[in-house]
Protein backbone atom coordinates (compact mmCIF):
# COMPACT_ATOMS: atom_id res chain seq x y z
CA MET A 1 -61.42 49.47 6.87
CA LYS A 2 -62.93 45.99 6.75
CA LYS A 3 -60.84 43.18 5.38
CA LYS A 4 -62.53 41.47 2.44
CA LYS A 5 -63.21 37.76 2.71
CA LYS A 6 -62.16 35.40 -0.05
CA LEU A 7 -64.91 33.08 -1.31
CA ILE A 8 -63.30 30.06 -2.94
CA THR A 9 -65.17 27.81 -5.35
CA ILE A 10 -63.59 24.62 -6.68
CA THR A 11 -65.29 23.11 -9.72
CA HIS A 12 -64.63 19.90 -11.62
CA ILE A 13 -64.03 21.14 -15.18
CA SER A 14 -65.30 18.11 -17.12
CA THR A 15 -68.67 17.91 -15.36
CA GLY A 16 -69.14 21.49 -14.15
CA LYS A 17 -69.98 20.21 -10.66
CA ILE A 18 -68.99 22.31 -7.68
CA ILE A 19 -66.75 20.20 -5.46
CA ALA A 20 -66.15 22.66 -2.63
CA GLN A 21 -67.10 26.20 -1.72
CA GLY A 22 -66.36 28.33 1.30
CA PHE A 23 -64.50 31.28 2.74
CA GLU A 24 -60.75 31.05 3.13
CA GLY A 25 -59.87 30.48 6.75
CA TRP A 26 -59.71 27.69 9.31
CA GLY A 27 -62.26 25.52 7.47
CA PHE A 28 -60.92 26.14 3.97
CA LEU A 29 -57.20 26.53 4.48
CA PRO A 30 -54.49 26.99 1.83
CA PHE A 31 -51.26 25.20 2.76
CA GLU A 32 -48.30 24.20 0.58
CA GLY A 33 -50.11 24.72 -2.73
CA ASN A 34 -53.17 22.76 -1.65
CA TYR A 35 -56.48 23.43 0.07
CA TYR A 36 -57.41 21.50 3.21
CA ILE A 37 -61.20 21.59 3.42
CA ARG A 38 -63.55 20.69 6.25
CA LEU A 39 -66.29 18.31 5.20
CA LYS A 40 -69.01 20.92 5.71
CA TYR A 41 -67.60 22.86 2.72
CA ILE A 42 -67.55 19.84 0.41
CA LYS A 43 -70.51 20.16 -1.99
CA THR A 44 -70.41 16.68 -3.53
CA SER A 45 -70.96 13.17 -2.25
CA GLY A 46 -68.82 11.75 -5.05
CA PHE A 47 -65.56 11.25 -3.15
CA GLN A 48 -64.68 7.60 -2.61
CA PHE A 49 -61.75 6.15 -0.69
CA SER A 50 -59.30 4.26 -2.90
CA TYR A 51 -57.80 2.39 0.08
CA LEU A 52 -54.42 3.17 -1.45
CA PRO A 53 -52.38 4.73 1.35
CA GLY A 54 -49.69 7.34 1.08
CA PHE A 55 -47.17 8.68 3.53
CA CYS A 56 -45.70 12.12 4.10
CA PHE A 57 -42.76 12.15 6.51
CA TYR A 58 -44.11 15.11 8.50
CA LYS A 59 -47.88 14.99 7.90
CA PHE A 60 -48.03 11.17 8.22
CA LEU A 61 -50.56 8.68 6.76
CA TYR A 62 -53.23 9.53 4.17
CA ILE A 63 -55.65 7.74 1.85
CA TRP A 64 -56.18 8.75 -1.78
CA LEU A 65 -59.70 9.70 -2.90
CA HIS A 66 -61.38 9.30 -6.28
CA LEU A 67 -64.19 11.55 -7.50
CA LYS A 68 -67.18 9.88 -9.16
CA THR A 69 -69.85 12.19 -10.50
CA GLN A 70 -72.33 12.06 -13.38
CA GLY A 71 -70.86 8.80 -14.70
CA TYR A 72 -67.37 10.30 -14.75
CA GLN A 73 -64.48 9.17 -12.57
CA GLU A 74 -61.39 11.19 -11.73
CA ASN A 75 -58.81 9.01 -9.96
CA PHE A 76 -56.43 10.25 -7.27
CA ILE A 77 -57.78 13.80 -7.28
CA ALA A 78 -57.82 14.28 -3.51
CA TRP A 79 -56.58 12.78 -0.24
CA MET A 80 -57.44 12.66 3.44
CA TYR A 81 -55.04 12.21 6.35
CA VAL A 82 -56.35 9.37 8.49
CA LEU A 83 -53.38 9.32 10.83
CA PRO A 84 -52.38 13.00 10.83
CA ASN A 85 -49.58 14.78 12.61
CA PRO A 86 -51.02 16.10 15.92
CA LEU A 87 -49.05 19.34 15.45
CA LEU A 88 -50.98 20.19 12.24
CA PRO A 89 -54.66 20.27 13.29
CA PHE A 90 -55.74 22.04 10.08
CA ILE A 91 -55.17 18.81 8.10
CA TRP A 92 -56.98 16.49 10.53
CA PHE A 93 -59.67 14.51 8.68
CA ARG A 94 -60.06 17.13 5.95
CA ILE A 95 -60.07 16.61 2.23
CA GLY A 96 -56.94 17.88 0.53
CA LEU A 97 -57.27 19.25 -3.00
CA PRO A 98 -54.37 20.55 -5.10
CA ARG A 99 -54.56 24.11 -6.38
CA ASN A 100 -52.92 23.21 -9.68
CA HIS A 101 -54.75 20.04 -10.77
CA HIS A 102 -55.60 20.02 -14.49
CA SER A 103 -59.19 18.87 -13.80
CA LEU A 104 -60.02 21.56 -11.25
CA LYS A 105 -61.06 25.14 -11.75
CA ILE A 106 -60.48 27.38 -8.74
CA GLU A 107 -62.21 30.73 -8.49
CA VAL A 108 -61.40 33.24 -5.77
CA GLU A 109 -63.83 36.11 -5.25
CA ASN A 110 -63.31 38.97 -2.81
CA VAL A 111 -66.56 39.58 -0.93
């Protein structure tokens, strides 16, 4: 029996724009209540660096991202590790999005 793939679509609720879409796996990985997404699965060009750094004691240094789309701005909606822990390659230079953010709609479809 074939294992079904999970197609994940993340949409910004206020604008209806698809932010990211892809199959769960190495490029679209759930970890600690968040998704770490390779840039090829990001469907918007609206992410902008805030230049406000953050630090996680075991994942290391990240930069917060804002989302600007259709004249709407959502601050601190995502992050990217710019100095990541070398033992966690699935977070390296990927956009992190929370699974429980009030402005995001996450749909999971078994294909």
